[in-house]
């Protein structure tokens, strides 16, 4: 029972980190688009929490990459109505 509680807490912490980073990135992309900037570079989402549950929102999924032609980058660029989206490692 204790392990279950720890796992749930860990999942919530990791998911919160992802949620915050996603919202910050979304706001930044929209801000750049409003300024007329069509090639946007944003941080790749990372989880800094050390325990890292295997049940968080990005487990097993990919995020954007440094390659603007990566399918997730092109899909998100199309979604936001910009020409190019690149990721960079924050570390």
Protein backbone atom coordinates (compact mmCIF):
# COMPACT_ATOMS: atom_id res chain seq x y z
CA UNK A 1 0.00 0.00 0.00
CA UNK A 2 2.84 2.41 0.78
CA UNK A 3 4.49 1.70 -2.59
CA UNK A 4 1.18 2.50 -4.32
CA UNK A 5 0.96 5.86 -2.53
CA UNK A 6 4.59 6.71 -3.37
CA UNK A 7 4.00 5.75 -7.02
CA UNK A 8 0.88 7.93 -7.26
CA UNK A 9 2.70 10.91 -5.72
CA UNK A 10 5.62 10.42 -8.07
CA UNK A 11 3.30 10.26 -11.09
CA UNK A 12 1.58 13.48 -10.02
CA UNK A 13 4.89 15.31 -9.56
CA UNK A 14 6.21 14.19 -12.97
CA UNK A 15 2.93 14.99 -14.71
CA UNK A 16 2.88 18.45 -13.12
CA UNK A 17 6.40 19.13 -14.44
CA UNK A 18 5.33 18.08 -17.94
CA UNK A 19 2.15 20.19 -17.71
CA UNK A 20 4.06 23.33 -16.67
CA UNK A 21 6.73 22.91 -19.37
CA UNK A 22 4.10 22.26 -22.04
CA UNK A 23 2.11 25.37 -21.10
CA UNK A 24 5.25 27.54 -21.03
CA UNK A 25 6.31 26.21 -24.43
CA UNK A 26 2.82 26.74 -25.86
CA UNK A 27 2.74 30.36 -24.65
CA UNK A 28 6.23 31.02 -26.04
CA UNK A 29 5.39 29.61 -29.48
CA UNK A 30 2.20 31.68 -29.68
CA UNK A 31 4.10 34.80 -28.54
CA UNK A 32 6.73 34.28 -31.24
CA UNK A 33 4.04 33.68 -33.85
CA UNK A 34 2.32 36.96 -32.89
CA UNK A 35 5.67 38.73 -33.42
CA UNK A 36 5.82 37.25 -36.93
CA UNK A 37 8.64 34.82 -36.15
CA UNK A 38 8.09 31.68 -38.23
CA UNK A 39 11.13 29.65 -37.11
CA UNK A 40 10.87 28.94 -33.39
CA UNK A 41 13.28 27.06 -31.11
CA UNK A 42 11.98 25.76 -27.79
CA UNK A 43 13.26 23.50 -25.01
CA UNK A 44 12.69 19.76 -25.22
CA UNK A 45 10.55 18.65 -22.28
CA UNK A 46 12.59 16.99 -19.56
CA UNK A 47 11.75 15.62 -16.14
CA UNK A 48 14.09 16.78 -13.39
CA UNK A 49 12.37 14.90 -10.59
CA UNK A 50 14.75 12.07 -9.64
CA UNK A 51 12.39 9.17 -8.87
CA UNK A 52 10.67 9.21 -12.28
CA UNK A 53 7.56 7.15 -12.26
CA UNK A 54 6.90 4.92 -15.23
CA UNK A 55 3.33 6.22 -15.34
CA UNK A 56 3.79 9.87 -16.30
CA UNK A 57 2.27 11.56 -19.33
CA UNK A 58 5.29 11.14 -21.66
CA UNK A 59 6.34 7.61 -20.74
CA UNK A 60 7.19 5.78 -23.94
CA UNK A 61 6.47 8.80 -26.13
CA UNK A 62 8.76 11.15 -28.02
CA UNK A 63 8.90 14.91 -27.72
CA UNK A 64 10.16 17.35 -30.31
CA UNK A 65 13.78 17.05 -31.44
CA UNK A 66 16.58 19.26 -32.73
CA UNK A 67 15.71 18.15 -36.27
CA UNK A 68 13.04 20.47 -37.73
CA UNK A 69 12.04 17.69 -40.15
CA UNK A 70 11.24 15.21 -37.37
CA UNK A 71 7.57 14.27 -37.70
CA UNK A 72 6.55 15.65 -34.29
CA UNK A 73 8.27 18.97 -35.05
CA UNK A 74 6.55 19.29 -38.43
CA UNK A 75 3.17 18.30 -36.97
CA UNK A 76 3.43 20.87 -34.18
CA UNK A 77 4.67 23.56 -36.55
CA UNK A 78 1.65 22.90 -38.73
CA UNK A 79 -0.63 22.96 -35.68
CA UNK A 80 0.71 26.37 -34.59
CA UNK A 81 0.78 27.70 -38.14
CA UNK A 82 4.51 28.39 -38.19
CA UNK A 83 7.18 27.39 -40.70
CA UNK A 84 9.63 25.53 -38.45
CA UNK A 85 9.91 24.24 -34.89
CA UNK A 86 13.17 23.04 -33.35
CA UNK A 87 13.96 21.69 -29.92
CA UNK A 88 17.06 22.15 -27.80
CA UNK A 89 18.30 20.39 -24.68
CA UNK A 90 18.12 22.62 -21.61
CA UNK A 91 21.07 20.83 -20.04
